[in-house]
Amino acid sequence: MSESNPSQSEHYRRLQWQCRRGIKEVEVLLVPFFERHYLSLSPADQVLFEKLLDQHDVEMFEWFTHRSLPEAPDLARIVKMVLHGVDA
């Protein structure tokens, strides 16, 4: 991330803050994925990750613990990326 672009830096910090969640099991997946992989995602996948951050913690907990899958295929894809990205 370039510090020469303040709006990008501000946007990045806002997203980083949004990765902090009320359910720690969700946060421990989102934060490392964001820090390690967000900037290397395609612009479309970055938007998809941001869409994931708009979801409720309880839903993400269910998805990340393999209790259910998102109905939307794009969300299912980013959930899979987060689960595999943390292992990488």
Protein backbone atom coordinates (compact mmCIF):
# COMPACT_ATOMS: atom_id res chain seq x y z
CA MET A 1 0.00 0.00 0.00
CA SER A 2 1.37 3.36 -0.97
CA GLU A 3 1.32 6.06 1.66
CA SER A 4 1.31 8.61 -1.18
CA ASN A 5 -2.40 7.92 -1.72
CA PRO A 6 -4.13 9.08 1.49
CA SER A 7 -7.60 7.99 0.38
CA GLN A 8 -6.38 4.45 -0.28
CA SER A 9 -4.62 4.43 3.07
CA GLU A 10 -7.76 5.67 4.83
CA HIS A 11 -9.87 3.10 2.99
CA TYR A 12 -7.42 0.35 3.96
CA ARG A 13 -7.51 1.37 7.63
CA ARG A 14 -11.32 1.45 7.60
CA LEU A 15 -11.45 -2.07 6.18
CA GLN A 16 -8.86 -3.25 8.66
CA TRP A 17 -11.05 -1.91 11.46
CA GLN A 18 -14.12 -3.64 9.97
CA CYS A 19 -12.29 -6.98 10.19
CA ARG A 20 -12.49 -6.64 13.97
CA ARG A 21 -15.67 -8.45 14.94
CA GLY A 22 -17.74 -9.26 17.99
CA ILE A 23 -17.26 -12.97 17.43
CA LYS A 24 -13.56 -13.74 17.89
CA GLU A 25 -13.75 -16.91 15.77
CA VAL A 26 -14.70 -14.70 12.83
CA GLU A 27 -12.10 -12.06 13.60
CA VAL A 28 -9.22 -14.56 13.81
CA LEU A 29 -9.97 -15.54 10.21
CA LEU A 30 -10.70 -12.13 8.74
CA VAL A 31 -7.79 -10.16 10.18
CA PRO A 32 -4.96 -12.45 8.98
CA PHE A 33 -6.57 -12.89 5.57
CA PHE A 34 -6.96 -9.15 5.19
CA GLU A 35 -3.41 -8.37 6.30
CA ARG A 36 -1.79 -11.05 4.15
CA HIS A 37 -3.95 -11.16 1.04
CA TYR A 38 -6.25 -8.16 0.57
CA LEU A 39 -3.83 -5.99 -1.38
CA SER A 40 -2.94 -8.85 -3.74
CA LEU A 41 -6.58 -9.61 -4.57
CA SER A 42 -8.00 -8.49 -7.88
CA PRO A 43 -10.14 -5.33 -7.68
CA ALA A 44 -13.25 -7.50 -8.13
CA ASP A 45 -12.21 -9.77 -5.26
CA GLN A 46 -11.45 -6.76 -3.07
CA VAL A 47 -15.02 -5.58 -3.64
CA LEU A 48 -16.22 -9.09 -2.83
CA PHE A 49 -14.23 -9.11 0.42
CA GLU A 50 -15.81 -5.77 1.32
CA LYS A 51 -19.23 -7.31 0.64
CA LEU A 52 -18.31 -10.11 3.04
CA LEU A 53 -17.51 -7.53 5.72
CA ASP A 54 -21.07 -6.20 5.38
CA GLN A 55 -22.49 -9.56 6.50
CA HIS A 56 -23.57 -10.34 10.05
CA ASP A 57 -21.06 -11.96 12.37
CA VAL A 58 -23.39 -14.88 13.12
CA GLU A 59 -23.74 -15.68 9.43
CA MET A 60 -19.98 -15.54 8.92
CA PHE A 61 -19.46 -17.74 11.97
CA GLU A 62 -21.79 -20.35 10.45
CA TRP A 63 -19.96 -20.18 7.12
CA PHE A 64 -16.46 -20.28 8.59
CA THR A 65 -17.31 -23.26 10.80
CA HIS A 66 -18.80 -25.18 7.86
CA ARG A 67 -22.27 -25.23 9.42
CA SER A 68 -23.82 -23.58 6.39
CA LEU A 69 -22.92 -22.00 3.07
CA PRO A 70 -23.80 -18.56 1.77
CA GLU A 71 -26.67 -18.69 -0.71
CA ALA A 72 -24.91 -16.20 -2.97
CA PRO A 73 -22.21 -17.95 -5.03
CA ASP A 74 -19.91 -14.93 -4.86
CA LEU A 75 -20.01 -14.92 -1.06
CA ALA A 76 -19.42 -18.69 -1.00
CA ARG A 77 -16.34 -18.08 -3.15
CA ILE A 78 -14.85 -15.41 -0.87
CA VAL A 79 -15.60 -17.51 2.23
CA LYS A 80 -13.63 -20.35 0.63
CA MET A 81 -10.80 -17.95 -0.17
CA VAL A 82 -10.67 -16.71 3.43
CA LEU A 83 -10.68 -20.25 4.81
CA HIS A 84 -7.91 -21.36 2.45
CA GLY A 85 -5.98 -18.09 2.68
CA VAL A 86 -5.52 -18.37 6.41
CA ASP A 87 -4.09 -21.87 5.98
CA ALA A 88 -1.64 -20.66 3.34
